[in-house]
């Protein structure tokens, strides 16, 4: 693996989950939870443990947008782009966010601070547009100005 520190963690997850029925998705989720992404060089180990081809494992990883194949920035910002948020301006917000971060969706800002991802419904349709930061905080009725304040707050954290 590119990062040798990842190998024992991936091996432990494989050992704990490989006998589960339908183990691939739980394993991928656990690896991403532990490392922040699915290292491409973990794919052969996963395939071997589950008696799958590398193509099958890679196909699942690339099918689900949730799974990342590279380390995320220090923070992950998800902008809801579902229909309810679209009806209250999420596309304009998304354009502002991309401009403020100088990166598109599925990318990380040049300073490594923020990875920007789209999401299709955060479950707060009545108070959109919504964004989620680090899967821990949900922000409703986000305007460009409110996003700028949130970004400044992220930048001020050590």
N, C-alpha and C. Protein backbone atom coordinates (compact mmCIF):
# COMPACT_ATOMS: atom_id res chain seq x y z
N UNK A 1 0.83 -1.18 0.00
CA UNK A 1 0.00 0.00 0.00
C UNK A 1 0.87 1.24 0.00
N UNK A 2 0.34 2.33 -0.61
CA UNK A 2 1.09 3.57 -0.64
C UNK A 2 1.47 4.01 0.77
N UNK A 3 0.54 3.88 1.67
CA UNK A 3 0.79 4.21 3.06
C UNK A 3 0.81 2.90 3.84
N UNK A 4 1.99 2.46 4.28
CA UNK A 4 2.07 1.16 4.98
C UNK A 4 1.28 1.12 6.28
N UNK A 5 0.96 2.30 6.83
CA UNK A 5 0.15 2.33 8.05
C UNK A 5 -1.28 1.85 7.80
N UNK A 6 -1.71 1.90 6.54
CA UNK A 6 -3.07 1.48 6.22
C UNK A 6 -3.25 -0.03 6.20
N UNK A 7 -2.21 -0.75 5.84
CA UNK A 7 -2.33 -2.19 5.65
C UNK A 7 -2.85 -2.94 6.88
N UNK A 8 -2.30 -2.70 8.07
CA UNK A 8 -2.84 -3.42 9.24
C UNK A 8 -4.31 -3.09 9.51
N UNK A 9 -4.70 -1.87 9.24
CA UNK A 9 -6.10 -1.48 9.48
C UNK A 9 -7.01 -2.17 8.48
N UNK A 10 -6.60 -2.21 7.22
CA UNK A 10 -7.41 -2.90 6.21
C UNK A 10 -7.47 -4.38 6.52
N UNK A 11 -6.33 -4.96 6.88
CA UNK A 11 -6.30 -6.39 7.22
C UNK A 11 -7.23 -6.71 8.39
N UNK A 12 -7.23 -5.85 9.41
CA UNK A 12 -8.11 -6.08 10.58
C UNK A 12 -9.58 -6.01 10.19
N UNK A 13 -9.91 -5.08 9.32
CA UNK A 13 -11.31 -4.95 8.87
C UNK A 13 -11.70 -6.17 8.05
N UNK A 14 -10.81 -6.61 7.17
CA UNK A 14 -11.11 -7.80 6.36
C UNK A 14 -11.30 -9.02 7.26
N UNK A 15 -10.44 -9.17 8.22
CA UNK A 15 -10.54 -10.33 9.12
C UNK A 15 -11.86 -10.30 9.89
N UNK A 16 -12.27 -9.14 10.33
CA UNK A 16 -13.49 -9.02 11.13
C UNK A 16 -14.76 -9.19 10.32
N UNK A 17 -14.73 -8.81 9.03
CA UNK A 17 -15.97 -8.75 8.26
C UNK A 17 -16.07 -9.73 7.10
N UNK A 18 -15.01 -10.37 6.70
CA UNK A 18 -15.03 -11.14 5.46
C UNK A 18 -15.99 -12.32 5.47
N UNK A 19 -16.39 -12.81 6.62
CA UNK A 19 -17.31 -13.95 6.65
C UNK A 19 -18.78 -13.53 6.69
N UNK A 20 -19.03 -12.24 6.75
CA UNK A 20 -20.42 -11.77 6.73
C UNK A 20 -21.05 -12.02 5.36
N UNK A 21 -22.32 -12.39 5.30
CA UNK A 21 -22.99 -12.43 4.00
C UNK A 21 -23.01 -11.01 3.41
N UNK A 22 -22.68 -10.89 2.14
CA UNK A 22 -22.67 -9.56 1.51
C UNK A 22 -21.66 -8.63 2.15
N UNK A 23 -20.48 -9.14 2.41
CA UNK A 23 -19.48 -8.40 3.20
C UNK A 23 -18.85 -7.20 2.48
N UNK A 24 -18.95 -7.13 1.17
CA UNK A 24 -18.21 -6.09 0.45
C UNK A 24 -18.58 -4.67 0.91
N UNK A 25 -19.84 -4.36 0.93
CA UNK A 25 -20.22 -2.98 1.31
C UNK A 25 -19.84 -2.66 2.76
N UNK A 26 -20.13 -3.56 3.73
CA UNK A 26 -19.67 -3.24 5.09
C UNK A 26 -18.16 -3.04 5.18
N UNK A 27 -17.39 -3.84 4.43
CA UNK A 27 -15.93 -3.69 4.44
C UNK A 27 -15.54 -2.33 3.84
N UNK A 28 -16.13 -1.98 2.73
CA UNK A 28 -15.79 -0.69 2.11
C UNK A 28 -16.15 0.48 3.02
N UNK A 29 -17.30 0.39 3.66
CA UNK A 29 -17.69 1.46 4.59
C UNK A 29 -16.71 1.54 5.76
N UNK A 30 -16.33 0.40 6.31
CA UNK A 30 -15.41 0.41 7.46
C UNK A 30 -14.05 0.97 7.06
N UNK A 31 -13.57 0.59 5.87
CA UNK A 31 -12.27 1.11 5.43
C UNK A 31 -12.35 2.62 5.24
N UNK A 32 -13.42 3.09 4.60
CA UNK A 32 -13.53 4.55 4.41
C UNK A 32 -13.70 5.27 5.73
N UNK A 33 -14.46 4.67 6.65
CA UNK A 33 -14.59 5.29 7.98
C UNK A 33 -13.24 5.37 8.69
N UNK A 34 -12.42 4.33 8.53
CA UNK A 34 -11.13 4.28 9.22
C UNK A 34 -10.08 5.17 8.57
N UNK A 35 -10.06 5.20 7.24
CA UNK A 35 -8.97 5.88 6.52
C UNK A 35 -9.41 7.15 5.82
N UNK A 36 -10.70 7.33 5.66
CA UNK A 36 -11.21 8.49 4.93
C UNK A 36 -11.38 8.23 3.45
N UNK A 37 -10.89 7.09 2.97
CA UNK A 37 -11.00 6.71 1.56
C UNK A 37 -10.67 5.23 1.43
N UNK A 38 -10.89 4.72 0.21
CA UNK A 38 -10.54 3.33 -0.09
C UNK A 38 -9.24 3.37 -0.90
N UNK A 39 -8.12 3.05 -0.32
CA UNK A 39 -6.87 3.10 -1.08
C UNK A 39 -6.93 2.12 -2.26
N UNK A 40 -6.58 2.59 -3.45
CA UNK A 40 -6.63 1.67 -4.60
C UNK A 40 -5.81 0.41 -4.40
N UNK A 41 -4.72 0.52 -3.67
CA UNK A 41 -3.91 -0.68 -3.47
C UNK A 41 -4.50 -1.63 -2.42
N UNK A 42 -5.64 -1.28 -1.84
CA UNK A 42 -6.35 -2.21 -0.95
C UNK A 42 -7.28 -3.12 -1.74
N UNK A 43 -7.57 -2.74 -2.97
CA UNK A 43 -8.52 -3.51 -3.78
C UNK A 43 -8.09 -4.98 -3.96
N UNK A 44 -6.83 -5.27 -4.26
CA UNK A 44 -6.46 -6.69 -4.38
C UNK A 44 -6.68 -7.48 -3.10
N UNK A 45 -6.38 -6.89 -1.96
CA UNK A 45 -6.59 -7.59 -0.68
C UNK A 45 -8.07 -7.85 -0.44
N UNK A 46 -8.89 -6.86 -0.74
CA UNK A 46 -10.34 -7.02 -0.56
C UNK A 46 -10.86 -8.11 -1.49
N UNK A 47 -10.44 -8.06 -2.75
CA UNK A 47 -10.88 -9.06 -3.72
C UNK A 47 -10.47 -10.46 -3.30
N UNK A 48 -9.24 -10.60 -2.87
CA UNK A 48 -8.75 -11.91 -2.45
C UNK A 48 -9.53 -12.43 -1.23
N UNK A 49 -9.78 -11.56 -0.26
CA UNK A 49 -10.48 -11.98 0.97
C UNK A 49 -11.91 -12.41 0.69
N UNK A 50 -12.53 -11.81 -0.33
CA UNK A 50 -13.94 -12.11 -0.61
C UNK A 50 -14.12 -13.02 -1.82
N UNK A 51 -13.01 -13.48 -2.38
CA UNK A 51 -13.05 -14.33 -3.57
C UNK A 51 -13.82 -13.66 -4.72
N UNK A 52 -13.51 -12.40 -4.91
CA UNK A 52 -14.09 -11.60 -5.99
C UNK A 52 -12.95 -11.18 -6.91
N UNK A 53 -13.30 -10.70 -8.10
CA UNK A 53 -12.27 -10.14 -8.97
C UNK A 53 -12.00 -8.69 -8.55
N UNK A 54 -10.83 -8.21 -8.91
CA UNK A 54 -10.52 -6.80 -8.65
C UNK A 54 -11.52 -5.90 -9.36
N UNK A 55 -11.93 -6.31 -10.55
CA UNK A 55 -12.89 -5.51 -11.31
C UNK A 55 -14.22 -5.40 -10.58
N UNK A 56 -14.64 -6.49 -9.93
CA UNK A 56 -15.91 -6.43 -9.18
C UNK A 56 -15.80 -5.44 -8.01
N UNK A 57 -14.70 -5.49 -7.30
CA UNK A 57 -14.52 -4.58 -6.17
C UNK A 57 -14.41 -3.14 -6.68
N UNK A 58 -13.61 -2.94 -7.69
CA UNK A 58 -13.46 -1.60 -8.27
C UNK A 58 -14.80 -1.08 -8.79
N UNK A 59 -15.59 -1.96 -9.41
CA UNK A 59 -16.89 -1.57 -9.93
C UNK A 59 -17.82 -1.06 -8.83
N UNK A 60 -17.80 -1.71 -7.69
CA UNK A 60 -18.65 -1.26 -6.58
C UNK A 60 -18.15 0.08 -6.05
N UNK A 61 -16.84 0.21 -5.90
CA UNK A 61 -16.28 1.47 -5.38
C UNK A 61 -16.63 2.65 -6.29
N UNK A 62 -16.52 2.43 -7.58
CA UNK A 62 -16.78 3.54 -8.50
C UNK A 62 -18.27 3.76 -8.77
N UNK A 63 -19.09 2.74 -8.50
CA UNK A 63 -20.53 2.92 -8.71
C UNK A 63 -21.12 3.88 -7.67
N UNK A 64 -20.70 3.73 -6.43
CA UNK A 64 -21.24 4.55 -5.35
C UNK A 64 -20.39 5.81 -5.18
N UNK A 65 -20.97 6.98 -5.41
CA UNK A 65 -20.23 8.24 -5.28
C UNK A 65 -19.74 8.47 -3.87
N UNK A 66 -20.35 7.81 -2.91
CA UNK A 66 -19.95 8.00 -1.51
C UNK A 66 -18.50 7.58 -1.28
N UNK A 67 -18.05 6.56 -2.00
CA UNK A 67 -16.70 6.05 -1.77
C UNK A 67 -15.67 6.91 -2.48
N UNK A 68 -14.62 7.26 -1.72
CA UNK A 68 -13.52 8.06 -2.28
C UNK A 68 -12.34 7.14 -2.55
N UNK A 69 -11.57 7.49 -3.57
CA UNK A 69 -10.37 6.71 -3.89
C UNK A 69 -9.09 7.49 -3.60
N UNK A 70 -9.23 8.65 -3.02
CA UNK A 70 -8.06 9.42 -2.60
C UNK A 70 -8.41 10.08 -1.27
N UNK A 71 -7.39 10.43 -0.49
CA UNK A 71 -7.67 11.03 0.82
C UNK A 71 -8.44 12.33 0.67
N UNK A 72 -9.41 12.56 1.55
CA UNK A 72 -10.17 13.82 1.49
C UNK A 72 -9.37 14.95 2.14
N UNK A 73 -9.86 16.16 1.96
CA UNK A 73 -9.30 17.30 2.65
C UNK A 73 -9.59 17.18 4.15
N UNK A 74 -9.15 18.18 4.90
CA UNK A 74 -9.38 18.12 6.36
C UNK A 74 -10.85 18.16 6.70
N UNK A 75 -11.66 18.76 5.84
CA UNK A 75 -13.11 18.83 6.02
C UNK A 75 -13.78 18.41 4.73
N UNK A 76 -14.94 17.79 4.86
CA UNK A 76 -15.74 17.40 3.70
C UNK A 76 -17.03 18.21 3.75
N UNK A 77 -17.27 18.99 2.71
CA UNK A 77 -18.49 19.79 2.59
C UNK A 77 -19.35 19.15 1.52
N UNK A 78 -20.58 18.83 1.89
CA UNK A 78 -21.53 18.26 0.93
C UNK A 78 -22.64 19.28 0.70
N UNK A 79 -22.88 19.59 -0.56
CA UNK A 79 -23.95 20.51 -0.93
C UNK A 79 -25.10 19.69 -1.48
N UNK A 80 -26.28 19.86 -0.90
CA UNK A 80 -27.46 19.13 -1.37
C UNK A 80 -27.88 19.69 -2.73
N UNK A 81 -28.05 18.78 -3.67
CA UNK A 81 -28.44 19.17 -5.03
C UNK A 81 -29.73 18.49 -5.45
N UNK A 82 -30.50 18.05 -4.48
CA UNK A 82 -31.78 17.39 -4.78
C UNK A 82 -32.82 18.42 -5.19
N UNK A 83 -33.95 17.92 -5.66
CA UNK A 83 -34.96 18.79 -6.26
C UNK A 83 -35.45 19.89 -5.32
N UNK A 84 -35.72 19.55 -4.05
CA UNK A 84 -36.23 20.56 -3.12
C UNK A 84 -35.21 21.68 -2.92
N UNK A 85 -33.95 21.32 -2.80
CA UNK A 85 -32.92 22.35 -2.64
C UNK A 85 -32.72 23.12 -3.95
N UNK A 86 -32.90 22.44 -5.09
CA UNK A 86 -32.80 23.15 -6.36
C UNK A 86 -33.86 24.23 -6.45
N UNK A 87 -35.04 23.94 -5.91
CA UNK A 87 -36.14 24.91 -6.02
C UNK A 87 -35.92 26.16 -5.17
N UNK A 88 -34.94 26.10 -4.26
CA UNK A 88 -34.66 27.28 -3.43
C UNK A 88 -33.22 27.77 -3.60
N UNK A 89 -32.61 27.41 -4.73
CA UNK A 89 -31.35 28.06 -5.06
C UNK A 89 -30.07 27.30 -4.83
N UNK A 90 -30.12 25.99 -4.74
CA UNK A 90 -28.86 25.28 -4.46
C UNK A 90 -27.88 25.35 -5.62
N UNK A 91 -28.37 25.50 -6.85
CA UNK A 91 -27.43 25.56 -7.97
C UNK A 91 -26.59 26.84 -7.90
N UNK A 92 -27.21 27.95 -7.53
CA UNK A 92 -26.45 29.19 -7.36
C UNK A 92 -25.49 29.06 -6.18
N UNK A 93 -25.96 28.42 -5.11
CA UNK A 93 -25.08 28.19 -3.96
C UNK A 93 -23.91 27.30 -4.36
N UNK A 94 -24.19 26.24 -5.12
CA UNK A 94 -23.13 25.33 -5.55
C UNK A 94 -22.09 26.07 -6.38
N UNK A 95 -22.54 26.93 -7.25
CA UNK A 95 -21.60 27.72 -8.06
C UNK A 95 -20.75 28.62 -7.17
N UNK A 96 -21.37 29.24 -6.17
CA UNK A 96 -20.62 30.10 -5.26
C UNK A 96 -19.59 29.28 -4.47
N UNK A 97 -20.02 28.13 -3.97
CA UNK A 97 -19.12 27.27 -3.17
C UNK A 97 -17.92 26.85 -4.02
N UNK A 98 -18.19 26.43 -5.26
CA UNK A 98 -17.09 26.01 -6.13
C UNK A 98 -16.13 27.17 -6.40
N UNK A 99 -16.67 28.36 -6.57
CA UNK A 99 -15.82 29.53 -6.78
C UNK A 99 -15.02 29.87 -5.53
N UNK A 100 -15.66 29.81 -4.37
CA UNK A 100 -14.97 30.14 -3.12
C UNK A 100 -13.85 29.15 -2.83
N UNK A 101 -14.08 27.88 -3.18
CA UNK A 101 -13.07 26.86 -2.92
C UNK A 101 -12.10 26.68 -4.10
N UNK A 102 -12.45 27.29 -5.23
CA UNK A 102 -11.66 27.14 -6.46
C UNK A 102 -11.47 25.67 -6.81
N UNK A 103 -12.54 24.90 -6.63
CA UNK A 103 -12.51 23.49 -7.06
C UNK A 103 -13.94 23.06 -7.35
N UNK A 104 -14.05 22.02 -8.12
CA UNK A 104 -15.35 21.48 -8.46
C UNK A 104 -15.76 20.38 -7.49
N UNK A 105 -16.89 19.77 -7.80
CA UNK A 105 -17.33 18.64 -7.00
C UNK A 105 -16.38 17.46 -7.19
N UNK A 106 -16.25 16.64 -6.18
CA UNK A 106 -15.36 15.48 -6.15
C UNK A 106 -13.90 15.91 -6.22
N UNK A 107 -13.63 17.10 -5.71
CA UNK A 107 -12.26 17.61 -5.70
C UNK A 107 -11.98 18.26 -4.34
N UNK A 108 -10.70 18.54 -4.12
CA UNK A 108 -10.27 19.14 -2.86
C UNK A 108 -9.63 20.48 -3.16
N UNK A 109 -9.90 21.46 -2.32
CA UNK A 109 -9.31 22.79 -2.50
C UNK A 109 -7.79 22.67 -2.49
N UNK A 110 -7.13 23.60 -3.16
CA UNK A 110 -5.68 23.55 -3.32
C UNK A 110 -4.94 23.53 -1.99
N UNK A 111 -5.54 24.15 -0.97
CA UNK A 111 -4.88 24.16 0.34
C UNK A 111 -5.15 22.89 1.14
N UNK A 112 -5.93 21.96 0.57
CA UNK A 112 -6.22 20.69 1.25
C UNK A 112 -7.22 20.82 2.38
N UNK A 113 -7.85 21.96 2.50
CA UNK A 113 -8.78 22.18 3.61
C UNK A 113 -10.11 21.48 3.40
N UNK A 114 -10.68 21.58 2.20
CA UNK A 114 -12.05 21.12 1.98
C UNK A 114 -12.14 20.24 0.74
N UNK A 115 -12.80 19.11 0.91
CA UNK A 115 -13.22 18.29 -0.22
C UNK A 115 -14.69 18.59 -0.44
N UNK A 116 -15.05 18.89 -1.67
CA UNK A 116 -16.41 19.26 -2.02
C UNK A 116 -17.11 18.09 -2.69
N UNK A 117 -18.27 17.72 -2.15
CA UNK A 117 -19.03 16.61 -2.72
C UNK A 117 -20.49 17.01 -2.88
N UNK A 118 -21.14 16.52 -3.92
CA UNK A 118 -22.60 16.71 -4.02
C UNK A 118 -23.29 15.63 -3.20
N UNK A 119 -24.47 15.93 -2.76
CA UNK A 119 -25.30 14.92 -2.09
C UNK A 119 -26.73 15.14 -2.57
N UNK A 120 -27.46 14.08 -2.64
CA UNK A 120 -28.82 14.18 -3.18
C UNK A 120 -29.84 13.87 -2.12
N UNK A 121 -29.99 14.78 -1.23
CA UNK A 121 -30.97 14.91 -0.16
C UNK A 121 -30.35 14.63 1.20
N UNK A 122 -30.42 15.65 2.02
CA UNK A 122 -29.97 15.55 3.40
C UNK A 122 -31.16 15.43 4.35
N UNK A 123 -32.36 15.35 3.79
CA UNK A 123 -33.55 15.12 4.60
C UNK A 123 -34.12 16.35 5.26
N UNK A 124 -33.69 17.54 4.86
CA UNK A 124 -34.22 18.77 5.45
C UNK A 124 -34.78 19.66 4.33
N UNK A 125 -35.63 19.05 3.54
CA UNK A 125 -36.10 19.69 2.32
C UNK A 125 -36.83 21.01 2.56
N UNK A 126 -37.47 21.15 3.69
CA UNK A 126 -38.26 22.36 3.95
C UNK A 126 -37.40 23.57 4.27
N UNK A 127 -36.11 23.34 4.53
CA UNK A 127 -35.27 24.46 4.96
C UNK A 127 -34.00 24.58 4.11
N UNK A 128 -34.10 24.20 2.85
CA UNK A 128 -32.96 24.28 1.96
C UNK A 128 -32.66 25.69 1.51
N UNK A 129 -31.56 25.87 0.81
CA UNK A 129 -30.56 24.86 0.49
C UNK A 129 -29.72 24.47 1.71
N UNK A 130 -29.33 23.21 1.71
CA UNK A 130 -28.62 22.66 2.86
C UNK A 130 -27.20 22.23 2.49
N UNK A 131 -26.33 22.32 3.47
CA UNK A 131 -25.00 21.72 3.32
C UNK A 131 -24.69 20.94 4.60
N UNK A 132 -23.81 20.00 4.45
CA UNK A 132 -23.34 19.20 5.59
C UNK A 132 -21.83 19.33 5.64
N UNK A 133 -21.31 19.48 6.83
CA UNK A 133 -19.87 19.57 7.01
C UNK A 133 -19.41 18.42 7.87
N UNK A 134 -18.50 17.63 7.34
CA UNK A 134 -17.87 16.52 8.06
C UNK A 134 -18.87 15.49 8.60
N UNK A 135 -19.97 15.33 7.98
CA UNK A 135 -20.99 14.38 8.41
C UNK A 135 -21.42 14.60 9.86
N UNK A 136 -21.11 15.77 10.41
CA UNK A 136 -21.47 16.02 11.79
C UNK A 136 -22.40 17.20 11.97
N UNK A 137 -22.33 18.15 11.05
CA UNK A 137 -23.18 19.33 11.19
C UNK A 137 -23.95 19.58 9.90
N UNK A 138 -25.21 19.89 10.07
CA UNK A 138 -26.08 20.20 8.95
C UNK A 138 -26.47 21.67 9.06
N UNK A 139 -26.33 22.37 7.95
CA UNK A 139 -26.65 23.80 7.93
C UNK A 139 -27.78 24.03 6.94
N UNK A 140 -28.83 24.72 7.41
CA UNK A 140 -30.02 24.95 6.61
C UNK A 140 -30.07 26.39 6.12
N UNK A 141 -30.87 26.57 5.06
CA UNK A 141 -31.06 27.90 4.47
C UNK A 141 -29.72 28.60 4.25
N UNK A 142 -28.82 27.88 3.63
CA UNK A 142 -27.47 28.42 3.43
C UNK A 142 -27.48 29.38 2.25
N UNK A 143 -26.96 30.54 2.52
CA UNK A 143 -26.78 31.56 1.49
C UNK A 143 -25.28 31.63 1.17
N UNK A 144 -24.90 32.28 0.09
CA UNK A 144 -23.47 32.46 -0.16
C UNK A 144 -22.75 33.14 1.03
N UNK A 145 -23.39 34.11 1.63
CA UNK A 145 -22.77 34.81 2.76
C UNK A 145 -22.61 33.86 3.95
N UNK A 146 -23.63 33.05 4.20
CA UNK A 146 -23.54 32.10 5.31
C UNK A 146 -22.45 31.06 5.03
N UNK A 147 -22.34 30.63 3.77
CA UNK A 147 -21.28 29.68 3.44
C UNK A 147 -19.92 30.31 3.67
N UNK A 148 -19.75 31.55 3.27
CA UNK A 148 -18.46 32.22 3.46
C UNK A 148 -18.09 32.28 4.94
N UNK A 149 -19.08 32.51 5.79
CA UNK A 149 -18.81 32.52 7.24
C UNK A 149 -18.40 31.13 7.73
N UNK A 150 -19.10 30.12 7.23
CA UNK A 150 -18.75 28.75 7.63
C UNK A 150 -17.33 28.40 7.15
N UNK A 151 -17.00 28.80 5.94
CA UNK A 151 -15.67 28.53 5.40
C UNK A 151 -14.60 29.26 6.21
N UNK A 152 -14.88 30.50 6.57
CA UNK A 152 -13.93 31.26 7.40
C UNK A 152 -13.73 30.56 8.74
N UNK A 153 -14.80 30.01 9.28
CA UNK A 153 -14.70 29.27 10.55
C UNK A 153 -13.83 28.03 10.39
N UNK A 154 -14.00 27.32 9.27
CA UNK A 154 -13.16 26.15 9.02
C UNK A 154 -11.70 26.55 8.88
N UNK A 155 -11.47 27.66 8.20
CA UNK A 155 -10.09 28.12 7.98
C UNK A 155 -9.43 28.59 9.27
N UNK A 156 -10.23 29.03 10.22
CA UNK A 156 -9.66 29.53 11.48
C UNK A 156 -9.32 28.42 12.46
N UNK A 157 -9.80 27.21 12.18
CA UNK A 157 -9.50 26.09 13.08
C UNK A 157 -8.08 25.60 12.83
N UNK A 158 -7.41 25.19 13.88
CA UNK A 158 -6.03 24.70 13.69
C UNK A 158 -5.97 23.40 12.91
